[in-house]
PDB file of N, CA and C in Angstrom:
ATOM      1  N   UNK A   1     -10.305  13.852 -19.154  1.00  0.00           N
ATOM      2  CA  UNK A   1      -8.909  13.433 -18.819  1.00  0.00           C
ATOM      3  C   UNK A   1      -9.178  12.389 -19.496  1.00  0.00           C
ATOM      4  N   UNK A   2      -8.218  11.461 -20.219  1.00  0.00           N
ATOM      5  CA  UNK A   2      -8.353   9.746 -20.736  1.00  0.00           C
ATOM      6  C   UNK A   2      -7.714   9.305 -19.515  1.00  0.00           C
ATOM      7  N   UNK A   3      -8.110   8.098 -18.817  1.00  0.00           N
ATOM      8  CA  UNK A   3      -7.395   7.214 -17.874  1.00  0.00           C
ATOM      9  C   UNK A   3      -6.762   5.612 -18.728  1.00  0.00           C
ATOM     10  N   UNK A   4      -5.750   5.902 -18.749  1.00  0.00           N
ATOM     11  CA  UNK A   4      -5.107   4.742 -18.932  1.00  0.00           C
ATOM     12  C   UNK A   4      -3.966   3.290 -17.898  1.00  0.00           C
ATOM     13  N   UNK A   5      -4.980   2.151 -18.598  1.00  0.00           N
ATOM     14  CA  UNK A   5      -4.630   1.097 -17.124  1.00  0.00           C
ATOM     15  C   UNK A   5      -4.281  -0.370 -18.111  1.00  0.00           C
ATOM     16  N   UNK A   6      -3.544  -0.776 -17.642  1.00  0.00           N
ATOM     17  CA  UNK A   6      -2.509  -1.994 -17.505  1.00  0.00           C
ATOM     18  C   UNK A   6      -3.508  -2.604 -16.639  1.00  0.00           C
ATOM     19  N   UNK A   7      -4.105  -3.943 -17.109  1.00  0.00           N
ATOM     20  CA  UNK A   7      -4.631  -4.780 -16.712  1.00  0.00           C
ATOM     21  C   UNK A   7      -3.790  -5.893 -16.475  1.00  0.00           C
ATOM     22  N   UNK A   8      -3.985  -6.711 -15.318  1.00  0.00           N
ATOM     23  CA  UNK A   8      -3.007  -7.807 -14.696  1.00  0.00           C
ATOM     24  C   UNK A   8      -2.953  -8.278 -15.956  1.00  0.00           C
ATOM     25  N   UNK A   9      -3.965  -9.165 -16.692  1.00  0.00           N
ATOM     26  CA  UNK A   9      -4.268  -9.660 -18.433  1.00  0.00           C
ATOM     27  C   UNK A   9      -3.063  -8.906 -18.968  1.00  0.00           C
ATOM     28  N   UNK A  10      -2.571  -8.116 -19.062  1.00  0.00           N
ATOM     29  CA  UNK A  10      -2.031  -7.454 -20.138  1.00  0.00           C
ATOM     30  C   UNK A  10      -2.726  -6.569 -21.078  1.00  0.00           C
ATOM     31  N   UNK A  11      -3.438  -6.538 -20.592  1.00  0.00           N
ATOM     32  CA  UNK A  11      -5.399  -5.989 -21.535  1.00  0.00           C
ATOM     33  C   UNK A  11      -4.658  -4.223 -21.453  1.00  0.00           C
ATOM     34  N   UNK A  12      -5.176  -3.559 -21.844  1.00  0.00           N
ATOM     35  CA  UNK A  12      -4.281  -1.944 -21.872  1.00  0.00           C
ATOM     36  C   UNK A  12      -6.583  -1.706 -22.405  1.00  0.00           C
ATOM     37  N   UNK A  13      -6.988  -0.458 -21.417  1.00  0.00           N
ATOM     38  CA  UNK A  13      -8.294   0.076 -21.446  1.00  0.00           C
ATOM     39  C   UNK A  13      -7.846   1.139 -21.051  1.00  0.00           C
ATOM     40  N   UNK A  14      -8.477   2.353 -21.628  1.00  0.00           N
ATOM     41  CA  UNK A  14      -8.791   3.665 -21.641  1.00  0.00           C
ATOM     42  C   UNK A  14     -10.126   3.538 -21.000  1.00  0.00           C
ATOM     43  N   UNK A  15     -10.109   4.762 -20.217  1.00  0.00           N
ATOM     44  CA  UNK A  15     -11.142   4.947 -19.609  1.00  0.00           C
ATOM     45  C   UNK A  15     -11.279   6.970 -20.333  1.00  0.00           C
ATOM     46  N   UNK A  16     -11.993   7.246 -20.188  1.00  0.00           N
ATOM     47  CA  UNK A  16     -12.269   9.220 -20.423  1.00  0.00           C
ATOM     48  C   UNK A  16     -13.525   9.324 -19.495  1.00  0.00           C
ATOM     49  N   UNK A  17     -13.243  10.382 -18.940  1.00  0.00           N
ATOM     50  CA  UNK A  17     -13.288  10.623 -17.571  1.00  0.00           C
ATOM     51  C   UNK A  17     -15.463  11.526 -18.444  1.00  0.00           C
ATOM     52  N   UNK A  18     -15.886  11.598 -19.486  1.00  0.00           N
ATOM     53  CA  UNK A  18     -17.025  11.917 -19.703  1.00  0.00           C
ATOM     54  C   UNK A  18     -18.192  10.487 -20.213  1.00  0.00           C
ATOM     55  N   UNK A  19     -17.768   9.718 -20.002  1.00  0.00           N
ATOM     56  CA  UNK A  19     -18.358   8.761 -20.209  1.00  0.00           C
ATOM     57  C   UNK A  19     -18.994   7.954 -18.614  1.00  0.00           C
ATOM     58  N   UNK A  20     -20.083   7.125 -18.388  1.00  0.00           N
ATOM     59  CA  UNK A  20     -21.162   6.877 -17.456  1.00  0.00           C
ATOM     60  C   UNK A  20     -20.076   5.942 -16.952  1.00  0.00           C
ATOM     61  N   UNK A  21     -19.898   5.634 -15.218  1.00  0.00           N
ATOM     62  CA  UNK A  21     -19.536   5.058 -14.420  1.00  0.00           C
ATOM     63  C   UNK A  21     -19.635   3.218 -14.965  1.00  0.00           C
ATOM     64  N   UNK A  22     -18.674   1.804 -15.033  1.00  0.00           N
ATOM     65  CA  UNK A  22     -19.167   1.164 -15.315  1.00  0.00           C
ATOM     66  C   UNK A  22     -19.734  -0.081 -14.499  1.00  0.00           C
ATOM     67  N   UNK A  23     -20.218  -0.055 -13.934  1.00  0.00           N
ATOM     68  CA  UNK A  23     -20.619  -0.535 -12.921  1.00  0.00           C
ATOM     69  C   UNK A  23     -19.949  -1.816 -12.456  1.00  0.00           C
ATOM     70  N   UNK A  24     -20.021  -2.379 -11.214  1.00  0.00           N
ATOM     71  CA  UNK A  24     -19.430  -3.595 -10.968  1.00  0.00           C
ATOM     72  C   UNK A  24     -20.062  -4.493  -9.486  1.00  0.00           C
ATOM     73  N   UNK A  25     -19.810  -5.309  -9.362  1.00  0.00           N
ATOM     74  CA  UNK A  25     -19.628  -6.234  -7.720  1.00  0.00           C
ATOM     75  C   UNK A  25     -18.932  -6.660  -7.144  1.00  0.00           C
ATOM     76  N   UNK A  26     -19.477  -7.302  -5.965  1.00  0.00           N
ATOM     77  CA  UNK A  26     -18.455  -7.312  -5.202  1.00  0.00           C
ATOM     78  C   UNK A  26     -17.984  -8.609  -6.148  1.00  0.00           C
ATOM     79  N   UNK A  27     -18.630  -9.344  -6.304  1.00  0.00           N
ATOM     80  CA  UNK A  27     -16.753 -10.297  -6.266  1.00  0.00           C
ATOM     81  C   UNK A  27     -16.076 -10.191  -8.188  1.00  0.00           C
ATOM     82  N   UNK A  28     -16.502  -9.995  -8.617  1.00  0.00           N
ATOM     83  CA  UNK A  28     -15.793  -8.695 -10.170  1.00  0.00           C
ATOM     84  C   UNK A  28     -14.624  -7.831  -8.819  1.00  0.00           C
ATOM     85  N   UNK A  29     -14.392  -6.606  -8.328  1.00  0.00           N
ATOM     86  CA  UNK A  29     -13.954  -6.332  -7.486  1.00  0.00           C
ATOM     87  C   UNK A  29     -13.270  -7.237  -6.557  1.00  0.00           C
ATOM     88  N   UNK A  30     -13.960  -7.862  -6.375  1.00  0.00           N
ATOM     89  CA  UNK A  30     -12.542  -8.498  -5.838  1.00  0.00           C
ATOM     90  C   UNK A  30     -11.273  -9.948  -6.360  1.00  0.00           C
ATOM     91  N   UNK A  31     -11.822  -9.650  -6.815  1.00  0.00           N
ATOM     92  CA  UNK A  31     -10.778 -10.877  -8.195  1.00  0.00           C
ATOM     93  C   UNK A  31      -9.799  -9.853  -8.915  1.00  0.00           C
ATOM     94  N   UNK A  32     -10.703  -8.732  -9.301  1.00  0.00           N
ATOM     95  CA  UNK A  32      -9.649  -7.592  -9.668  1.00  0.00           C
ATOM     96  C   UNK A  32      -8.510  -7.394  -8.862  1.00  0.00           C
ATOM     97  N   UNK A  33      -8.689  -7.763  -7.579  1.00  0.00           N
ATOM     98  CA  UNK A  33      -7.119  -7.260  -6.465  1.00  0.00           C
ATOM     99  C   UNK A  33      -7.003  -8.865  -6.587  1.00  0.00           C
ATOM    100  N   UNK A  34      -7.865  -9.250  -6.489  1.00  0.00           N
ATOM    101  CA  UNK A  34      -6.957 -10.705  -5.702  1.00  0.00           C
ATOM    102  C   UNK A  34      -6.848 -10.865  -4.571  1.00  0.00           C
ATOM    103  N   UNK A  35      -8.514 -11.188  -4.494  1.00  0.00           N
ATOM    104  CA  UNK A  35      -8.615 -10.885  -2.715  1.00  0.00           C
ATOM    105  C   UNK A  35     -10.455 -12.107  -3.137  1.00  0.00           C
ATOM    106  N   UNK A  36     -10.147 -11.902  -1.660  1.00  0.00           N
ATOM    107  CA  UNK A  36     -12.387 -12.849  -0.738  1.00  0.00           C
ATOM    108  C   UNK A  36     -13.417 -11.442  -0.582  1.00  0.00           C
ATOM    109  N   UNK A  37     -14.149 -12.133  -0.990  1.00  0.00           N
ATOM    110  CA  UNK A  37     -14.693 -10.464  -0.889  1.00  0.00           C
ATOM    111  C   UNK A  37     -14.617 -10.696   0.576  1.00  0.00           C
ATOM    112  N   UNK A  38     -14.599 -11.195   1.573  1.00  0.00           N
ATOM    113  CA  UNK A  38     -14.741 -10.777   2.654  1.00  0.00           C
ATOM    114  C   UNK A  38     -13.998 -10.265   3.279  1.00  0.00           C
ATOM    115  N   UNK A  39     -12.405 -10.749   2.108  1.00  0.00           N
ATOM    116  CA  UNK A  39     -11.166  -9.305   2.904  1.00  0.00           C
ATOM    117  C   UNK A  39     -11.800  -8.084   2.950  1.00  0.00           C
ATOM    118  N   UNK A  40     -12.643  -8.361   0.996  1.00  0.00           N
ATOM    119  CA  UNK A  40     -13.330  -6.391   0.457  1.00  0.00           C
ATOM    120  C   UNK A  40     -14.050  -5.781   1.505  1.00  0.00           C
ATOM    121  N   UNK A  41     -15.191  -6.572   1.920  1.00  0.00           N
ATOM    122  CA  UNK A  41     -15.604  -6.742   3.742  1.00  0.00           C
ATOM    123  C   UNK A  41     -13.887  -5.971   4.222  1.00  0.00           C
ATOM    124  N   UNK A  42     -13.630  -6.334   5.336  1.00  0.00           N
ATOM    125  CA  UNK A  42     -13.081  -6.174   5.804  1.00  0.00           C
ATOM    126  C   UNK A  42     -12.094  -4.611   5.173  1.00  0.00           C
ATOM    127  N   UNK A  43     -11.572  -4.868   4.267  1.00  0.00           N
ATOM    128  CA  UNK A  43     -11.475  -3.248   3.850  1.00  0.00           C
ATOM    129  C   UNK A  43     -12.554  -2.234   4.198  1.00  0.00           C
ATOM    130  N   UNK A  44     -13.199  -2.126   3.776  1.00  0.00           N
ATOM    131  CA  UNK A  44     -14.059  -1.574   4.019  1.00  0.00           C
ATOM    132  C   UNK A  44     -14.206  -0.739   4.616  1.00  0.00           C
ATOM    133  N   UNK A  45     -14.674  -1.733   6.384  1.00  0.00           N
ATOM    134  CA  UNK A  45     -14.995  -1.375   7.662  1.00  0.00           C
ATOM    135  C   UNK A  45     -14.022  -1.293   7.992  1.00  0.00           C
ATOM    136  N   UNK A  46     -12.633  -1.056   7.568  1.00  0.00           N
ATOM    137  CA  UNK A  46     -11.615  -0.131   7.768  1.00  0.00           C
ATOM    138  C   UNK A  46     -11.438   1.129   7.028  1.00  0.00           C
ATOM    139  N   UNK A  47     -11.957   1.184   6.409  1.00  0.00           N
ATOM    140  CA  UNK A  47     -12.044   2.519   5.760  1.00  0.00           C
ATOM    141  C   UNK A  47     -10.690   2.057   4.797  1.00  0.00           C
ATOM    142  N   UNK A  48     -10.154   1.076   3.875  1.00  0.00           N
ATOM    143  CA  UNK A  48      -9.920   1.614   2.992  1.00  0.00           C
ATOM    144  C   UNK A  48     -10.130   0.775   1.415  1.00  0.00           C
ATOM    145  N   UNK A  49      -9.091   0.553   1.093  1.00  0.00           N
ATOM    146  CA  UNK A  49      -9.674   0.350  -0.442  1.00  0.00           C
ATOM    147  C   UNK A  49     -10.613   0.719  -1.511  1.00  0.00           C
ATOM    148  N   UNK A  50     -10.920   0.439  -2.427  1.00  0.00           N
ATOM    149  CA  UNK A  50     -12.270   1.662  -3.805  1.00  0.00           C
ATOM    150  C   UNK A  50     -12.225   2.222  -2.385  1.00  0.00           C
ATOM    151  N   UNK A  51     -13.218   2.570  -3.201  1.00  0.00           N
ATOM    152  CA  UNK A  51     -14.621   4.023  -3.193  1.00  0.00           C
ATOM    153  C   UNK A  51     -15.918   2.457  -3.667  1.00  0.00           C
ATOM    154  N   UNK A  52     -16.901   2.917  -2.944  1.00  0.00           N
ATOM    155  CA  UNK A  52     -17.698   1.355  -2.475  1.00  0.00           C
ATOM    156  C   UNK A  52     -19.403   2.647  -2.574  1.00  0.00           C
ATOM    157  N   UNK A  53     -20.422   2.462  -3.476  1.00  0.00           N
ATOM    158  CA  UNK A  53     -21.090   2.926  -3.762  1.00  0.00           C
ATOM    159  C   UNK A  53     -22.148   2.042  -4.044  1.00  0.00           C
ATOM    160  N   UNK A  54     -23.405   3.089  -3.364  1.00  0.00           N
ATOM    161  CA  UNK A  54     -24.713   2.277  -3.535  1.00  0.00           C
ATOM    162  C   UNK A  54     -26.296   3.441  -3.176  1.00  0.00           C
ATOM    163  N   UNK A  55     -27.565   3.845  -3.178  1.00  0.00           N
ATOM    164  CA  UNK A  55     -28.104   4.497  -2.824  1.00  0.00           C
ATOM    165  C   UNK A  55     -29.220   3.990  -2.460  1.00  0.00           C
ATOM    166  N   UNK A  56     -28.356   5.036  -1.031  1.00  0.00           N
ATOM    167  CA  UNK A  56     -29.401   4.246   0.131  1.00  0.00           C
ATOM    168  C   UNK A  56     -30.787   4.687   0.646  1.00  0.00           C
ATOM    169  N   UNK A  57     -31.445   6.042  -0.651  1.00  0.00           N
ATOM    170  CA  UNK A  57     -32.694   5.868  -0.452  1.00  0.00           C
ATOM    171  C   UNK A  57     -33.280   4.011  -1.188  1.00  0.00           C
ATOM    172  N   UNK A  58     -32.443   3.590  -1.578  1.00  0.00           N
ATOM    173  CA  UNK A  58     -33.157   1.800  -2.567  1.00  0.00           C
ATOM    174  C   UNK A  58     -33.143   0.994  -1.420  1.00  0.00           C
ATOM    175  N   UNK A  59     -33.910   0.186  -1.813  1.00  0.00           N
ATOM    176  CA  UNK A  59     -34.981  -0.515  -0.488  1.00  0.00           C
ATOM    177  C   UNK A  59     -33.705  -1.656  -0.311  1.00  0.00           C
ATOM    178  N   UNK A  60     -33.387  -1.832  -0.998  1.00  0.00           N
ATOM    179  CA  UNK A  60     -32.387  -3.233  -1.431  1.00  0.00           C
ATOM    180  C   UNK A  60     -30.900  -3.039  -1.313  1.00  0.00           C
ATOM    181  N   UNK A  61     -30.378  -1.628  -1.973  1.00  0.00           N
ATOM    182  CA  UNK A  61     -29.710  -0.887  -1.426  1.00  0.00           C
ATOM    183  C   UNK A  61     -28.112  -1.934  -2.186  1.00  0.00           C
ATOM    184  N   UNK A  62     -28.005  -2.215  -3.455  1.00  0.00           N
ATOM    185  CA  UNK A  62     -26.735  -2.499  -3.783  1.00  0.00           C
ATOM    186  C   UNK A  62     -25.454  -2.641  -3.547  1.00  0.00           C
ATOM    187  N   UNK A  63     -24.571  -3.582  -3.249  1.00  0.00           N
ATOM    188  CA  UNK A  63     -23.576  -2.389  -3.918  1.00  0.00           C
ATOM    189  C   UNK A  63     -22.689  -2.567  -4.603  1.00  0.00           C
ATOM    190  N   UNK A  64     -22.026  -1.198  -5.276  1.00  0.00           N
ATOM    191  CA  UNK A  64     -21.549  -2.180  -6.578  1.00  0.00           C
ATOM    192  C   UNK A  64     -20.321  -0.675  -6.251  1.00  0.00           C
ATOM    193  N   UNK A  65     -19.436  -1.123  -7.677  1.00  0.00           N
ATOM    194  CA  UNK A  65     -17.951   0.321  -7.327  1.00  0.00           C
ATOM    195  C   UNK A  65     -18.269   0.158  -8.951  1.00  0.00           C
ATOM    196  N   UNK A  66     -17.497   1.167  -9.337  1.00  0.00           N
ATOM    197  CA  UNK A  66     -16.544   1.715 -10.488  1.00  0.00           C
ATOM    198  C   UNK A  66     -15.488   0.935 -10.884  1.00  0.00           C
ATOM    199  N   UNK A  67     -16.197   0.563 -12.116  1.00  0.00           N
ATOM    200  CA  UNK A  67     -14.498  -0.550 -13.025  1.00  0.00           C
ATOM    201  C   UNK A  67     -13.688   0.506 -13.097  1.00  0.00           C
ATOM    202  N   UNK A  68     -13.374   1.529 -13.167  1.00  0.00           N
ATOM    203  CA  UNK A  68     -12.142   2.635 -14.222  1.00  0.00           C
ATOM    204  C   UNK A  68     -11.541   2.703 -12.272  1.00  0.00           C
ATOM    205  N   UNK A  69     -12.902   2.762 -11.443  1.00  0.00           N
ATOM    206  CA  UNK A  69     -12.178   3.605  -9.889  1.00  0.00           C
ATOM    207  C   UNK A  69     -11.079   1.943  -9.461  1.00  0.00           C
ATOM    208  N   UNK A  70     -11.925   1.100  -9.470  1.00  0.00           N
ATOM    209  CA  UNK A  70     -10.690   0.316  -8.584  1.00  0.00           C
ATOM    210  C   UNK A  70      -9.680   0.027  -9.973  1.00  0.00           C
ATOM    211  N   UNK A  71      -9.740   0.204 -10.627  1.00  0.00           N
ATOM    212  CA  UNK A  71      -8.533  -1.020 -11.629  1.00  0.00           C
ATOM    213  C   UNK A  71      -7.896   0.666 -11.731  1.00  0.00           C
ATOM    214  N   UNK A  72      -7.946   2.096 -10.933  1.00  0.00           N
ATOM    215  CA  UNK A  72      -7.116   2.276 -11.329  1.00  0.00           C
ATOM    216  C   UNK A  72      -6.488   2.344  -9.879  1.00  0.00           C
ATOM    217  N   UNK A  73      -7.281   2.556  -8.368  1.00  0.00           N
ATOM    218  CA  UNK A  73      -7.147   2.432  -7.421  1.00  0.00           C
ATOM    219  C   UNK A  73      -5.783   1.130  -7.163  1.00  0.00           C
ATOM    220  N   UNK A  74      -6.583   0.312  -7.974  1.00  0.00           N
ATOM    221  CA  UNK A  74      -4.932  -1.125  -7.967  1.00  0.00           C
ATOM    222  C   UNK A  74      -3.901  -0.239  -8.863  1.00  0.00           C
ATOM    223  N   UNK A  75      -4.313   0.227  -9.376  1.00  0.00           N
ATOM    224  CA  UNK A  75      -2.414   0.424 -10.037  1.00  0.00           C
ATOM    225  C   UNK A  75      -1.928   1.191  -9.390  1.00  0.00           C
ATOM    226  N   UNK A  76      -2.696   2.259  -8.248  1.00  0.00           N
ATOM    227  CA  UNK A  76      -1.900   3.269  -7.529  1.00  0.00           C
ATOM    228  C   UNK A  76      -1.125   2.486  -6.394  1.00  0.00           C
ATOM    229  N   UNK A  77      -1.700   1.054  -5.358  1.00  0.00           N
ATOM    230  CA  UNK A  77      -1.535   0.574  -4.739  1.00  0.00           C
ATOM    231  C   UNK A  77      -1.230  -0.190  -4.502  1.00  0.00           C
ATOM    232  N   UNK A  78      -0.139  -1.291  -5.248  1.00  0.00           N
ATOM    233  CA  UNK A  78      -0.085  -2.183  -6.321  1.00  0.00           C
ATOM    234  C   UNK A  78      -1.016  -3.441  -6.242  1.00  0.00           C
ATOM    235  N   UNK A  79      -1.864  -3.381  -6.247  1.00  0.00           N
ATOM    236  CA  UNK A  79      -2.731  -4.780  -6.348  1.00  0.00           C
ATOM    237  C   UNK A  79      -3.082  -5.177  -7.897  1.00  0.00           C
ATOM    238  N   UNK A  80      -3.192  -6.933  -7.959  1.00  0.00           N
ATOM    239  CA  UNK A  80      -3.124  -7.425  -7.267  1.00  0.00           C
ATOM    240  C   UNK A  80      -1.698  -8.091  -6.647  1.00  0.00           C
ATOM    241  N   UNK A  81      -1.587  -8.313  -5.695  1.00  0.00           N
ATOM    242  CA  UNK A  81       0.254  -8.909  -5.327  1.00  0.00           C
ATOM    243  C   UNK A  81       0.447  -9.511  -5.974  1.00  0.00           C
TER     244      UNK A  81
END
């Protein structure tokens, strides 16, 4: 099922469920939500915000977000404010 989102800059993006996730880092996620990285970390610690991903079995465990999930969460929760 496709998901259509309107980004803060007015661009309209459509994602399809069968596509691979577009991985974005904390910096990009914070920018999309209009936050600092520290605020994004606080949200995660409080159990709030878009789903955060990582691979616990990897040694460095880089944190990433799925861009479609972040944009969908932002649209549903009114971010950026």
